[in-house]
Amino acid sequence: VQLQASGGGLVQAGGSLRLSCAASGRTFKVFDMAWFRQGPGKEREFVARIRARGASTGYAGSVKGRFTISRDNAKNTVYLQMNSLKPEDTAVYYCAASSNNPILSRLTDEDAYEYWGQGTLVTVFS
């Protein structure tokens, strides 16, 4: 599957952005999807995930209550709605897909995902 992330940009602290990740090549609805991010000088970290089956979601503590992950299987797209953005949210955001139905505890692990998008840059200024 090919993943194309978009929607990044420059936003003032407190603002909002919505990231999109369009998938092509295989049946999107069977993939567990996730967003990860890598800030300046930092390692890549888990942000949010959504299951293929049942569409349950999970979030990193740092974004819970501010970010919402969703998916539209008819459009082969996963979204990340980001509200109340903070400068520390500045990062390159990557979408990822897994066809292996990882167990719940692994869904925050980037090794559980075999497909990755190219990343989209989000810059939050104060």
PDB file of N, CA and C in Angstrom:
ATOM      1  N   VAL A   1       0.848  -1.175   0.000  1.00  0.00           N
ATOM      2  CA  VAL A   1       0.000   0.000   0.000  1.00  0.00           C
ATOM      3  C   VAL A   1       0.891   1.236   0.000  1.00  0.00           C
ATOM      4  N   GLN A   2       0.443   2.262  -0.717  1.00  0.00           N
ATOM      5  CA  GLN A   2       1.165   3.534  -0.733  1.00  0.00           C
ATOM      6  C   GLN A   2       0.393   4.541   0.110  1.00  0.00           C
ATOM      7  N   LEU A   3       1.119   5.298   0.901  1.00  0.00           N
ATOM      8  CA  LEU A   3       0.505   6.283   1.794  1.00  0.00           C
ATOM      9  C   LEU A   3       1.003   7.668   1.438  1.00  0.00           C
ATOM     10  N   GLN A   4       0.094   8.616   1.351  1.00  0.00           N
ATOM     11  CA  GLN A   4       0.427   9.997   1.018  1.00  0.00           C
ATOM     12  C   GLN A   4      -0.155  10.916   2.083  1.00  0.00           C
ATOM     13  N   ALA A   5       0.730  11.489   2.905  1.00  0.00           N
ATOM     14  CA  ALA A   5       0.294  12.399   3.959  1.00  0.00           C
ATOM     15  C   ALA A   5       0.276  13.833   3.449  1.00  0.00           C
ATOM     16  N   SER A   6      -0.678  14.598   3.960  1.00  0.00           N
ATOM     17  CA  SER A   6      -0.779  16.002   3.584  1.00  0.00           C
ATOM     18  C   SER A   6      -1.459  16.782   4.698  1.00  0.00           C
ATOM     19  N   GLY A   7      -1.450  18.112   4.565  1.00  0.00           N
ATOM     20  CA  GLY A   7      -2.163  18.946   5.511  1.00  0.00           C
ATOM     21  C   GLY A   7      -1.295  19.689   6.503  1.00  0.00           C
ATOM     22  N   GLY A   8      -0.007  19.427   6.493  1.00  0.00           N
ATOM     23  CA  GLY A   8       0.873  20.134   7.403  1.00  0.00           C
ATOM     24  C   GLY A   8       0.999  21.599   7.036  1.00  0.00           C
ATOM     25  N   GLY A   9       1.600  22.360   7.932  1.00  0.00           N
ATOM     26  CA  GLY A   9       1.780  23.780   7.671  1.00  0.00           C
ATOM     27  C   GLY A   9       2.235  24.523   8.887  1.00  0.00           C
ATOM     28  N   LEU A  10       2.154  25.848   8.782  1.00  0.00           N
ATOM     29  CA  LEU A  10       2.569  26.747   9.853  1.00  0.00           C
ATOM     30  C   LEU A  10       1.322  27.267  10.553  1.00  0.00           C
ATOM     31  N   VAL A  11       1.283  27.137  11.874  1.00  0.00           N
ATOM     32  CA  VAL A  11       0.096  27.552  12.619  1.00  0.00           C
ATOM     33  C   VAL A  11       0.512  28.149  13.954  1.00  0.00           C
ATOM     34  N   GLN A  12      -0.250  29.116  14.389  1.00  0.00           N
ATOM     35  CA  GLN A  12       0.024  29.732  15.678  1.00  0.00           C
ATOM     36  C   GLN A  12      -0.446  28.833  16.808  1.00  0.00           C
ATOM     37  N   ALA A  13       0.236  28.908  17.932  1.00  0.00           N
ATOM     38  CA  ALA A  13      -0.160  28.134  19.104  1.00  0.00           C
ATOM     39  C   ALA A  13      -1.624  28.409  19.428  1.00  0.00           C
ATOM     40  N   GLY A  14      -2.331  27.341  19.759  1.00  0.00           N
ATOM     41  CA  GLY A  14      -3.756  27.435  20.019  1.00  0.00           C
ATOM     42  C   GLY A  14      -4.616  27.155  18.803  1.00  0.00           C
ATOM     43  N   GLY A  15      -3.988  27.125  17.644  1.00  0.00           N
ATOM     44  CA  GLY A  15      -4.711  26.882  16.412  1.00  0.00           C
ATOM     45  C   GLY A  15      -4.927  25.414  16.138  1.00  0.00           C
ATOM     46  N   SER A  16      -5.470  25.141  14.943  1.00  0.00           N
ATOM     47  CA  SER A  16      -5.829  23.784  14.550  1.00  0.00           C
ATOM     48  C   SER A  16      -5.312  23.470  13.149  1.00  0.00           C
ATOM     49  N   LEU A  17      -5.090  22.193  12.928  1.00  0.00           N
ATOM     50  CA  LEU A  17      -4.774  21.664  11.604  1.00  0.00           C
ATOM     51  C   LEU A  17      -5.399  20.295  11.485  1.00  0.00           C
ATOM     52  N   ARG A  18      -5.707  19.905  10.261  1.00  0.00           N
ATOM     53  CA  ARG A  18      -6.152  18.538  10.018  1.00  0.00           C
ATOM     54  C   ARG A  18      -5.220  17.900   8.996  1.00  0.00           C
ATOM     55  N   LEU A  19      -4.601  16.823   9.418  1.00  0.00           N
ATOM     56  CA  LEU A  19      -3.755  16.045   8.529  1.00  0.00           C
ATOM     57  C   LEU A  19      -4.576  14.944   7.872  1.00  0.00           C
ATOM     58  N   SER A  20      -4.202  14.628   6.643  1.00  0.00           N
ATOM     59  CA  SER A  20      -4.843  13.542   5.920  1.00  0.00           C
ATOM     60  C   SER A  20      -3.783  12.570   5.437  1.00  0.00           C
ATOM     61  N   CYS A  21      -4.165  11.320   5.330  1.00  0.00           N
ATOM     62  CA  CYS A  21      -3.274  10.297   4.793  1.00  0.00           C
ATOM     63  C   CYS A  21      -4.104   9.430   3.856  1.00  0.00           C
ATOM     64  N   ALA A  22      -3.834   9.550   2.581  1.00  0.00           N
ATOM     65  CA  ALA A  22      -4.560   8.800   1.571  1.00  0.00           C
ATOM     66  C   ALA A  22      -3.800   7.532   1.229  1.00  0.00           C
ATOM     67  N   ALA A  23      -4.513   6.428   1.192  1.00  0.00           N
ATOM     68  CA  ALA A  23      -3.905   5.134   0.910  1.00  0.00           C
ATOM     69  C   ALA A  23      -4.350   4.620  -0.450  1.00  0.00           C
ATOM     70  N   SER A  24      -3.464   3.927  -1.097  1.00  0.00           N
ATOM     71  CA  SER A  24      -3.799   3.323  -2.376  1.00  0.00           C
ATOM     72  C   SER A  24      -3.050   2.011  -2.513  1.00  0.00           C
ATOM     73  N   GLY A  25      -3.551   1.156  -3.343  1.00  0.00           N
ATOM     74  CA  GLY A  25      -2.846  -0.064  -3.665  1.00  0.00           C
ATOM     75  C   GLY A  25      -3.438  -1.330  -3.089  1.00  0.00           C
ATOM     76  N   ARG A  26      -4.060  -1.241  -1.944  1.00  0.00           N
ATOM     77  CA  ARG A  26      -4.677  -2.424  -1.343  1.00  0.00           C
ATOM     78  C   ARG A  26      -5.934  -2.018  -0.607  1.00  0.00           C
ATOM     79  N   THR A  27      -6.649  -2.969  -0.111  1.00  0.00           N
ATOM     80  CA  THR A  27      -7.900  -2.689   0.577  1.00  0.00           C
ATOM     81  C   THR A  27      -7.625  -1.972   1.891  1.00  0.00           C
ATOM     82  N   PHE A  28      -7.976  -0.696   1.909  1.00  0.00           N
ATOM     83  CA  PHE A  28      -7.637   0.163   3.036  1.00  0.00           C
ATOM     84  C   PHE A  28      -8.292  -0.304   4.329  1.00  0.00           C
ATOM     85  N   LYS A  29      -9.514  -0.800   4.236  1.00  0.00           N
ATOM     86  CA  LYS A  29     -10.294  -1.056   5.443  1.00  0.00           C
ATOM     87  C   LYS A  29      -9.714  -2.154   6.327  1.00  0.00           C
ATOM     88  N   VAL A  30      -8.780  -2.943   5.791  1.00  0.00           N
ATOM     89  CA  VAL A  30      -8.218  -4.019   6.612  1.00  0.00           C
ATOM     90  C   VAL A  30      -6.990  -3.566   7.401  1.00  0.00           C
ATOM     91  N   PHE A  31      -6.552  -2.338   7.179  1.00  0.00           N
ATOM     92  CA  PHE A  31      -5.334  -1.868   7.816  1.00  0.00           C
ATOM     93  C   PHE A  31      -5.609  -1.148   9.127  1.00  0.00           C
ATOM     94  N   ASP A  32      -4.850  -1.490  10.160  1.00  0.00           N
ATOM     95  CA  ASP A  32      -4.749  -0.633  11.322  1.00  0.00           C
ATOM     96  C   ASP A  32      -3.861   0.557  10.931  1.00  0.00           C
ATOM     97  N   MET A  33      -4.282   1.736  11.325  1.00  0.00           N
ATOM     98  CA  MET A  33      -3.585   2.955  10.915  1.00  0.00           C
ATOM     99  C   MET A  33      -3.097   3.729  12.139  1.00  0.00           C
ATOM    100  N   ALA A  34      -2.039   4.490  11.933  1.00  0.00           N
ATOM    101  CA  ALA A  34      -1.497   5.276  13.036  1.00  0.00           C
ATOM    102  C   ALA A  34      -0.797   6.520  12.511  1.00  0.00           C
ATOM    103  N   TRP A  35      -0.635   7.458  13.422  1.00  0.00           N
ATOM    104  CA  TRP A  35       0.198   8.625  13.181  1.00  0.00           C
ATOM    105  C   TRP A  35       1.345   8.606  14.183  1.00  0.00           C
ATOM    106  N   PHE A  36       2.521   8.885  13.679  1.00  0.00           N
ATOM    107  CA  PHE A  36       3.709   9.088  14.500  1.00  0.00           C
ATOM    108  C   PHE A  36       4.263  10.468  14.161  1.00  0.00           C
ATOM    109  N   ARG A  37       5.170  10.957  14.990  1.00  0.00           N
ATOM    110  CA  ARG A  37       5.805  12.246  14.701  1.00  0.00           C
ATOM    111  C   ARG A  37       7.249  12.234  15.160  1.00  0.00           C
ATOM    112  N   GLN A  38       8.033  13.079  14.520  1.00  0.00           N
ATOM    113  CA  GLN A  38       9.425  13.229  14.911  1.00  0.00           C
ATOM    114  C   GLN A  38       9.747  14.712  14.965  1.00  0.00           C
ATOM    115  N   GLY A  39       9.959  15.188  16.201  1.00  0.00           N
ATOM    116  CA  GLY A  39      10.303  16.582  16.395  1.00  0.00           C
ATOM    117  C   GLY A  39      11.783  16.834  16.202  1.00  0.00           C
ATOM    118  N   PRO A  40      12.181  18.098  16.131  1.00  0.00           N
ATOM    119  CA  PRO A  40      13.591  18.442  15.933  1.00  0.00           C
ATOM    120  C   PRO A  40      14.486  17.843  17.018  1.00  0.00           C
ATOM    121  N   GLY A  41      15.464  17.072  16.607  1.00  0.00           N
ATOM    122  CA  GLY A  41      16.391  16.472  17.556  1.00  0.00           C
ATOM    123  C   GLY A  41      15.807  15.368  18.411  1.00  0.00           C
ATOM    124  N   LYS A  42      14.628  14.887  18.043  1.00  0.00           N
ATOM    125  CA  LYS A  42      13.969  13.851  18.844  1.00  0.00           C
ATOM    126  C   LYS A  42      13.788  12.574  18.043  1.00  0.00           C
ATOM    127  N   GLU A  43      13.519  11.489  18.748  1.00  0.00           N
ATOM    128  CA  GLU A  43      13.187  10.238  18.089  1.00  0.00           C
ATOM    129  C   GLU A  43      11.714  10.261  17.680  1.00  0.00           C
ATOM    130  N   ARG A  44      11.401   9.438  16.718  1.00  0.00           N
ATOM    131  CA  ARG A  44      10.017   9.336  16.284  1.00  0.00           C
ATOM    132  C   ARG A  44       9.172   8.732  17.408  1.00  0.00           C
ATOM    133  N   GLU A  45       7.988   9.278  17.609  1.00  0.00           N
ATOM    134  CA  GLU A  45       7.118   8.826  18.687  1.00  0.00           C
ATOM    135  C   GLU A  45       5.693   8.615  18.198  1.00  0.00           C
ATOM    136  N   PHE A  46       5.009   7.739  18.893  1.00  0.00           N
ATOM    137  CA  PHE A  46       3.609   7.440  18.608  1.00  0.00           C
ATOM    138  C   PHE A  46       2.735   8.632  18.967  1.00  0.00           C
ATOM    139  N   VAL A  47       1.725   8.881  18.133  1.00  0.00           N
ATOM    140  CA  VAL A  47       0.770   9.948  18.394  1.00  0.00           C
ATOM    141  C   VAL A  47      -0.641   9.391  18.599  1.00  0.00           C
ATOM    142  N   ALA A  48      -1.131   8.631  17.612  1.00  0.00           N
ATOM    143  CA  ALA A  48      -2.505   8.125  17.683  1.00  0.00           C
ATOM    144  C   ALA A  48      -2.635   6.921  16.767  1.00  0.00           C
ATOM    145  N   ARG A  49      -3.646   6.080  17.055  1.00  0.00           N
ATOM    146  CA  ARG A  49      -3.879   4.909  16.214  1.00  0.00           C
ATOM    147  C   ARG A  49      -5.368   4.626  16.157  1.00  0.00           C
ATOM    148  N   ILE A  50      -5.751   3.916  15.081  1.00  0.00           N
ATOM    149  CA  ILE A  50      -7.139   3.521  14.907  1.00  0.00           C
ATOM    150  C   ILE A  50      -7.174   2.140  14.281  1.00  0.00           C
ATOM    151  N   ARG A  51      -7.966   1.287  14.861  1.00  0.00           N
ATOM    152  CA  ARG A  51      -8.087  -0.094  14.409  1.00  0.00           C
ATOM    153  C   ARG A  51      -8.875  -0.189  13.116  1.00  0.00           C
ATOM    154  N   ALA A  52      -8.560  -1.230  12.346  1.00  0.00           N
ATOM    155  CA  ALA A  52      -9.365  -1.536  11.164  1.00  0.00           C
ATOM    156  C   ALA A  52     -10.719  -2.090  11.582  1.00  0.00           C
ATOM    157  N   ARG A  53     -10.691  -2.971  12.580  1.00  0.00           N
ATOM    158  CA  ARG A  53     -11.899  -3.650  13.035  1.00  0.00           C
ATOM    159  C   ARG A  53     -12.449  -2.931  14.241  1.00  0.00           C
ATOM    160  N   GLY A  54     -13.587  -2.343  14.079  1.00  0.00           N
ATOM    161  CA  GLY A  54     -14.224  -1.650  15.195  1.00  0.00           C
ATOM    162  C   GLY A  54     -13.813  -0.203  15.340  1.00  0.00           C
ATOM    163  N   ALA A  55     -12.695   0.185  14.673  1.00  0.00           N
ATOM    164  CA  ALA A  55     -12.244   1.576  14.660  1.00  0.00           C
ATOM    165  C   ALA A  55     -11.992   2.129  16.062  1.00  0.00           C
ATOM    166  N   SER A  56     -11.558   1.275  16.988  1.00  0.00           N
ATOM    167  CA  SER A  56     -11.187   1.806  18.303  1.00  0.00           C
ATOM    168  C   SER A  56      -9.934   2.667  18.152  1.00  0.00           C
ATOM    169  N   THR A  57      -9.772   3.616  19.033  1.00  0.00           N
ATOM    170  CA  THR A  57      -8.668   4.566  18.938  1.00  0.00           C
ATOM    171  C   THR A  57      -7.824   4.577  20.204  1.00  0.00           C
ATOM    172  N   GLY A  58      -6.612   5.099  20.059  1.00  0.00           N
ATOM    173  CA  GLY A  58      -5.718   5.276  21.197  1.00  0.00           C
ATOM    174  C   GLY A  58      -4.807   6.450  20.944  1.00  0.00           C
ATOM    175  N   TYR A  59      -4.361   7.113  22.011  1.00  0.00           N
ATOM    176  CA  TYR A  59      -3.588   8.342  21.876  1.00  0.00           C
ATOM    177  C   TYR A  59      -2.419   8.359  22.842  1.00  0.00           C
ATOM    178  N   ALA A  60      -1.380   9.064  22.448  1.00  0.00           N
ATOM    179  CA  ALA A  60      -0.311   9.372  23.379  1.00  0.00           C
ATOM    180  C   ALA A  60      -0.849  10.352  24.415  1.00  0.00           C
ATOM    181  N   GLY A  61      -0.308  10.262  25.618  1.00  0.00           N
ATOM    182  CA  GLY A  61      -0.780  11.128  26.678  1.00  0.00           C
ATOM    183  C   GLY A  61      -0.635  12.603  26.365  1.00  0.00           C
ATOM    184  N   SER A  62       0.402  12.943  25.606  1.00  0.00           N
ATOM    185  CA  SER A  62       0.687  14.344  25.318  1.00  0.00           C
ATOM    186  C   SER A  62      -0.326  14.989  24.376  1.00  0.00           C
ATOM    187  N   VAL A  63      -1.114  14.171  23.666  1.00  0.00           N
ATOM    188  CA  VAL A  63      -2.062  14.723  22.707  1.00  0.00           C
ATOM    189  C   VAL A  63      -3.506  14.381  23.058  1.00  0.00           C
ATOM    190  N   LYS A  64      -3.709  13.531  24.024  1.00  0.00           N
ATOM    191  CA  LYS A  64      -5.055  13.091  24.367  1.00  0.00           C
ATOM    192  C   LYS A  64      -5.904  14.287  24.771  1.00  0.00           C
ATOM    193  N   GLY A  65      -7.099  14.343  24.199  1.00  0.00           N
ATOM    194  CA  GLY A  65      -7.994  15.462  24.464  1.00  0.00           C
ATOM    195  C   GLY A  65      -7.833  16.623  23.503  1.00  0.00           C
ATOM    196  N   ARG A  66      -6.742  16.622  22.747  1.00  0.00           N
ATOM    197  CA  ARG A  66      -6.503  17.692  21.766  1.00  0.00           C
ATOM    198  C   ARG A  66      -6.547  17.165  20.326  1.00  0.00           C
ATOM    199  N   PHE A  67      -6.087  15.937  20.125  1.00  0.00           N
ATOM    200  CA  PHE A  67      -6.030  15.351  18.790  1.00  0.00           C
ATOM    201  C   PHE A  67      -7.097  14.264  18.664  1.00  0.00           C
ATOM    202  N   THR A  68      -7.619  14.114  17.444  1.00  0.00           N
ATOM    203  CA  THR A  68      -8.594  13.071  17.155  1.00  0.00           C
ATOM    204  C   THR A  68      -8.223  12.380  15.854  1.00  0.00           C
ATOM    205  N   ILE A  69      -8.088  11.065  15.924  1.00  0.00           N
ATOM    206  CA  ILE A  69      -7.833  10.273  14.728  1.00  0.00           C
ATOM    207  C   ILE A  69      -9.152   9.676  14.254  1.00  0.00           C
ATOM    208  N   SER A  70      -9.323   9.648  12.943  1.00  0.00           N
ATOM    209  CA  SER A  70     -10.533   9.062  12.368  1.00  0.00           C
ATOM    210  C   SER A  70     -10.174   8.492  11.007  1.00  0.00           C
ATOM    211  N   ARG A  71     -11.108   7.723  10.462  1.00  0.00           N
ATOM    212  CA  ARG A  71     -10.862   7.142   9.153  1.00  0.00           C
ATOM    213  C   ARG A  71     -12.148   7.137   8.348  1.00  0.00           C
ATOM    214  N   ASP A  72     -11.984   7.241   7.043  1.00  0.00           N
ATOM    215  CA  ASP A  72     -13.105   7.147   6.110  1.00  0.00           C
ATOM    216  C   ASP A  72     -12.720   6.056   5.119  1.00  0.00           C
ATOM    217  N   ASN A  73     -13.248   4.877   5.327  1.00  0.00           N
ATOM    218  CA  ASN A  73     -12.869   3.745   4.475  1.00  0.00           C
ATOM    219  C   ASN A  73     -13.344   3.926   3.034  1.00  0.00           C
ATOM    220  N   ALA A  74     -14.414   4.675   2.840  1.00  0.00           N
ATOM    221  CA  ALA A  74     -14.899   4.923   1.474  1.00  0.00           C
ATOM    222  C   ALA A  74     -13.917   5.792   0.688  1.00  0.00           C
ATOM    223  N   LYS A  75     -13.161   6.614   1.418  1.00  0.00           N
ATOM    224  CA  LYS A  75     -12.191   7.500   0.775  1.00  0.00           C
ATOM    225  C   LYS A  75     -10.760   7.013   0.941  1.00  0.00           C
ATOM    226  N   ASN A  76     -10.598   5.855   1.580  1.00  0.00           N
ATOM    227  CA  ASN A  76      -9.250   5.301   1.800  1.00  0.00           C
ATOM    228  C   ASN A  76      -8.338   6.310   2.488  1.00  0.00           C
ATOM    229  N   THR A  77      -8.880   6.979   3.482  1.00  0.00           N
ATOM    230  CA  THR A  77      -8.142   8.070   4.114  1.00  0.00           C
ATOM    231  C   THR A  77      -8.271   8.006   5.631  1.00  0.00           C
ATOM    232  N   VAL A  78      -7.171   8.307   6.300  1.00  0.00           N
ATOM    233  CA  VAL A  78      -7.176   8.481   7.748  1.00  0.00           C
ATOM    234  C   VAL A  78      -6.817   9.940   8.030  1.00  0.00           C
ATOM    235  N   TYR A  79      -7.427  10.478   9.066  1.00  0.00           N
ATOM    236  CA  TYR A  79      -7.259  11.883   9.418  1.00  0.00           C
ATOM    237  C   TYR A  79      -6.684  12.026  10.818  1.00  0.00           C
ATOM    238  N   LEU A  80      -6.043  13.151  11.044  1.00  0.00           N
ATOM    239  CA  LEU A  80      -5.641  13.534  12.386  1.00  0.00           C
ATOM    240  C   LEU A  80      -6.041  14.989  12.582  1.00  0.00           C
ATOM    241  N   GLN A  81      -7.103  15.196  13.340  1.00  0.00           N
ATOM    242  CA  GLN A  81      -7.536  16.541  13.683  1.00  0.00           C
ATOM    243  C   GLN A  81      -6.745  17.001  14.900  1.00  0.00           C
ATOM    244  N   MET A  82      -6.034  18.092  14.751  1.00  0.00           N
ATOM    245  CA  MET A  82      -5.179  18.588  15.827  1.00  0.00           C
ATOM    246  C   MET A  82      -5.679  19.952  16.280  1.00  0.00           C
ATOM    247  N   ASN A  83      -6.117  20.038  17.511  1.00  0.00           N
ATOM    248  CA  ASN A  83      -6.619  21.286  18.095  1.00  0.00           C
ATOM    249  C   ASN A  83      -5.712  21.726  19.236  1.00  0.00           C
ATOM    250  N   SER A  84      -5.850  22.973  19.616  1.00  0.00           N
ATOM    251  CA  SER A  84      -5.076  23.538  20.729  1.00  0.00           C
ATOM    252  C   SER A  84      -3.596  23.220  20.578  1.00  0.00           C
ATOM    253  N   LEU A  85      -3.086  23.468  19.407  1.00  0.00           N
ATOM    254  CA  LEU A  85      -1.701  23.113  19.118  1.00  0.00           C
ATOM    255  C   LEU A  85      -0.726  23.913  19.972  1.00  0.00           C
ATOM    256  N   LYS A  86       0.373  23.260  20.297  1.00  0.00           N
ATOM    257  CA  LYS A  86       1.418  23.851  21.121  1.00  0.00           C
ATOM    258  C   LYS A  86       2.740  23.819  20.343  1.00  0.00           C
ATOM    259  N   PRO A  87       3.659  24.694  20.683  1.00  0.00           N
ATOM    260  CA  PRO A  87       4.961  24.664  19.995  1.00  0.00           C
ATOM    261  C   PRO A  87       5.635  23.293  20.063  1.00  0.00           C
ATOM    262  N   GLU A  88       5.420  22.570  21.148  1.00  0.00           N
ATOM    263  CA  GLU A  88       6.044  21.249  21.272  1.00  0.00           C
ATOM    264  C   GLU A  88       5.412  20.205  20.362  1.00  0.00           C
ATOM    265  N   ASP A  89       4.325  20.559  19.676  1.00  0.00           N
ATOM    266  CA  ASP A  89       3.752  19.666  18.671  1.00  0.00           C
ATOM    267  C   ASP A  89       4.477  19.785  17.330  1.00  0.00           C
ATOM    268  N   THR A  90       5.397  20.730  17.226  1.00  0.00           N
ATOM    269  CA  THR A  90       6.164  20.897  16.002  1.00  0.00           C
ATOM    270  C   THR A  90       6.932  19.622  15.680  1.00  0.00           C
ATOM    271  N   ALA A  91       6.703  19.084  14.481  1.00  0.00           N
ATOM    272  CA  ALA A  91       7.312  17.815  14.097  1.00  0.00           C
ATOM    273  C   ALA A  91       6.947  17.491  12.655  1.00  0.00           C
ATOM    274  N   VAL A  92       7.637  16.510  12.121  1.00  0.00           N
ATOM    275  CA  VAL A  92       7.186  15.864  10.898  1.00  0.00           C
ATOM    276  C   VAL A  92       6.257  14.734  11.306  1.00  0.00           C
ATOM    277  N   TYR A  93       5.074  14.733  10.757  1.00  0.00           N
ATOM    278  CA  TYR A  93       4.065  13.739  11.102  1.00  0.00           C
ATOM    279  C   TYR A  93       4.002  12.689   9.995  1.00  0.00           C
ATOM    280  N   TYR A  94       4.041  11.434  10.421  1.00  0.00           N
ATOM    281  CA  TYR A  94       4.016  10.305   9.501  1.00  0.00           C
ATOM    282  C   TYR A  94       2.775   9.452   9.752  1.00  0.00           C
ATOM    283  N   CYS A  95       2.143   9.024   8.666  1.00  0.00           N
ATOM    284  CA  CYS A  95       1.098   8.023   8.825  1.00  0.00           C
ATOM    285  C   CYS A  95       1.701   6.654   8.536  1.00  0.00           C
ATOM    286  N   ALA A  96       1.113   5.653   9.156  1.00  0.00           N
ATOM    287  CA  ALA A  96       1.622   4.296   9.036  1.00  0.00           C
ATOM    288  C   ALA A  96       0.462   3.316   8.989  1.00  0.00           C
ATOM    289  N   ALA A  97       0.705   2.182   8.352  1.00  0.00           N
ATOM    290  CA  ALA A  97      -0.340   1.173   8.188  1.00  0.00           C
ATOM    291  C   ALA A  97       0.203  -0.212   8.513  1.00  0.00           C
ATOM    292  N   SER A  98      -0.651  -1.001   9.145  1.00  0.00           N
ATOM    293  CA  SER A  98      -0.299  -2.383   9.441  1.00  0.00           C
ATOM    294  C   SER A  98      -1.392  -3.314   8.955  1.00  0.00           C
ATOM    295  N   SER A  99      -0.987  -4.381   8.281  1.00  0.00           N
ATOM    296  CA  SER A  99      -1.940  -5.392   7.831  1.00  0.00           C
ATOM    297  C   SER A  99      -1.881  -6.639   8.701  1.00  0.00           C
ATOM    298  N   ASN A 100      -1.069  -6.614   9.749  1.00  0.00           N
ATOM    299  CA  ASN A 100      -0.788  -7.801  10.552  1.00  0.00           C
ATOM    300  C   ASN A 100      -1.651  -7.955  11.796  1.00  0.00           C
ATOM    301  N   ASN A 101      -2.597  -7.046  12.003  1.00  0.00           N
ATOM    302  CA  ASN A 101      -3.473  -7.110  13.181  1.00  0.00           C
ATOM    303  C   ASN A 101      -2.660  -7.265  14.471  1.00  0.00           C
ATOM    304  N   PRO A 102      -1.786  -6.301  14.755  1.00  0.00           N
ATOM    305  CA  PRO A 102      -0.978  -6.411  15.972  1.00  0.00           C
ATOM    306  C   PRO A 102      -1.837  -6.434  17.229  1.00  0.00           C
ATOM    307  N   ILE A 103      -1.283  -7.070  18.260  1.00  0.00           N
ATOM    308  CA  ILE A 103      -1.995  -7.026  19.539  1.00  0.00           C
ATOM    309  C   ILE A 103      -1.985  -5.594  20.054  1.00  0.00           C
ATOM    310  N   LEU A 104      -2.911  -5.317  20.942  1.00  0.00           N
ATOM    311  CA  LEU A 104      -3.156  -3.952  21.400  1.00  0.00           C
ATOM    312  C   LEU A 104      -1.887  -3.280  21.918  1.00  0.00           C
ATOM    313  N   SER A 105      -1.112  -4.014  22.677  1.00  0.00           N
ATOM    314  CA  SER A 105       0.072  -3.427  23.306  1.00  0.00           C
ATOM    315  C   SER A 105       1.138  -3.021  22.297  1.00  0.00           C
ATOM    316  N   ARG A 106       1.050  -3.520  21.090  1.00  0.00           N
ATOM    317  CA  ARG A 106       2.061  -3.211  20.077  1.00  0.00           C
ATOM    318  C   ARG A 106       1.663  -2.057  19.170  1.00  0.00           C
ATOM    319  N   LEU A 107       0.458  -1.571  19.307  1.00  0.00           N
ATOM    320  CA  LEU A 107      -0.030  -0.572  18.364  1.00  0.00           C
ATOM    321  C   LEU A 107       0.667   0.780  18.507  1.00  0.00           C
ATOM    322  N   THR A 108       1.390   0.968  19.599  1.00  0.00           N
ATOM    323  CA  THR A 108       2.169   2.197  19.762  1.00  0.00           C
ATOM    324  C   THR A 108       3.610   2.031  19.309  1.00  0.00           C
ATOM    325  N   ASP A 109       3.942   0.849  18.835  1.00  0.00           N
ATOM    326  CA  ASP A 109       5.307   0.504  18.438  1.00  0.00           C
ATOM    327  C   ASP A 109       5.446   0.673  16.928  1.00  0.00           C
ATOM    328  N   GLU A 110       6.389   1.486  16.488  1.00  0.00           N
ATOM    329  CA  GLU A 110       6.504   1.722  15.047  1.00  0.00           C
ATOM    330  C   GLU A 110       6.882   0.459  14.288  1.00  0.00           C
ATOM    331  N   ASP A 111       7.499  -0.504  14.954  1.00  0.00           N
ATOM    332  CA  ASP A 111       7.853  -1.756  14.289  1.00  0.00           C
ATOM    333  C   ASP A 111       6.631  -2.595  13.919  1.00  0.00           C
ATOM    334  N   ALA A 112       5.472  -2.262  14.479  1.00  0.00           N
ATOM    335  CA  ALA A 112       4.255  -2.999  14.143  1.00  0.00           C
ATOM    336  C   ALA A 112       3.679  -2.600  12.794  1.00  0.00           C
ATOM    337  N   TYR A 113       4.198  -1.523  12.208  1.00  0.00           N
ATOM    338  CA  TYR A 113       3.649  -0.977  10.968  1.00  0.00           C
ATOM    339  C   TYR A 113       4.636  -1.182   9.824  1.00  0.00           C
ATOM    340  N   GLU A 114       4.156  -1.779   8.745  1.00  0.00           N
ATOM    341  CA  GLU A 114       5.065  -2.076   7.638  1.00  0.00           C
ATOM    342  C   GLU A 114       5.014  -1.058   6.500  1.00  0.00           C
ATOM    343  N   TYR A 115       4.025  -0.191   6.507  1.00  0.00           N
ATOM    344  CA  TYR A 115       3.911   0.809   5.456  1.00  0.00           C
ATOM    345  C   TYR A 115       3.924   2.211   6.073  1.00  0.00           C
ATOM    346  N   TRP A 116       4.667   3.102   5.422  1.00  0.00           N
ATOM    347  CA  TRP A 116       4.825   4.461   5.943  1.00  0.00           C
ATOM    348  C   TRP A 116       4.656   5.488   4.830  1.00  0.00           C
ATOM    349  N   GLY A 117       4.051   6.599   5.187  1.00  0.00           N
ATOM    350  CA  GLY A 117       3.989   7.735   4.287  1.00  0.00           C
ATOM    351  C   GLY A 117       5.255   8.565   4.371  1.00  0.00           C
ATOM    352  N   GLN A 118       5.320   9.600   3.577  1.00  0.00           N
ATOM    353  CA  GLN A 118       6.548  10.388   3.455  1.00  0.00           C
ATOM    354  C   GLN A 118       6.677  11.460   4.528  1.00  0.00           C
ATOM    355  N   GLY A 119       5.633  11.737   5.258  1.00  0.00           N
ATOM    356  CA  GLY A 119       5.706  12.748   6.314  1.00  0.00           C
ATOM    357  C   GLY A 119       5.227  14.106   5.841  1.00  0.00           C
ATOM    358  N   THR A 120       4.625  14.837   6.761  1.00  0.00           N
ATOM    359  CA  THR A 120       4.195  16.207   6.495  1.00  0.00           C
ATOM    360  C   THR A 120       4.583  17.061   7.696  1.00  0.00           C
ATOM    361  N   LEU A 121       5.150  18.226   7.429  1.00  0.00           N
ATOM    362  CA  LEU A 121       5.716  19.063   8.487  1.00  0.00           C
ATOM    363  C   LEU A 121       4.661  19.954   9.106  1.00  0.00           C
ATOM    364  N   VAL A 122       4.596  19.925  10.414  1.00  0.00           N
ATOM    365  CA  VAL A 122       3.746  20.822  11.186  1.00  0.00           C
ATOM    366  C   VAL A 122       4.653  21.701  12.040  1.00  0.00           C
ATOM    367  N   THR A 123       4.492  23.009  11.904  1.00  0.00           N
ATOM    368  CA  THR A 123       5.271  23.959  12.689  1.00  0.00           C
ATOM    369  C   THR A 123       4.315  24.850  13.461  1.00  0.00           C
ATOM    370  N   VAL A 124       4.452  24.837  14.772  1.00  0.00           N
ATOM    371  CA  VAL A 124       3.589  25.641  15.649  1.00  0.00           C
ATOM    372  C   VAL A 124       4.444  26.718  16.288  1.00  0.00           C
ATOM    373  N   PHE A 125       4.059  27.980  16.078  1.00  0.00           N
ATOM    374  CA  PHE A 125       4.828  29.092  16.632  1.00  0.00           C
ATOM    375  C   PHE A 125       4.004  29.793  17.713  1.00  0.00           C
ATOM    376  N   SER A 126       4.720  30.355  18.675  1.00  0.00           N
ATOM    377  CA  SER A 126       4.035  31.031  19.784  1.00  0.00           C
ATOM    378  C   SER A 126       3.991  32.536  19.572  1.00  0.00           C
TER     379      SER A 126
END
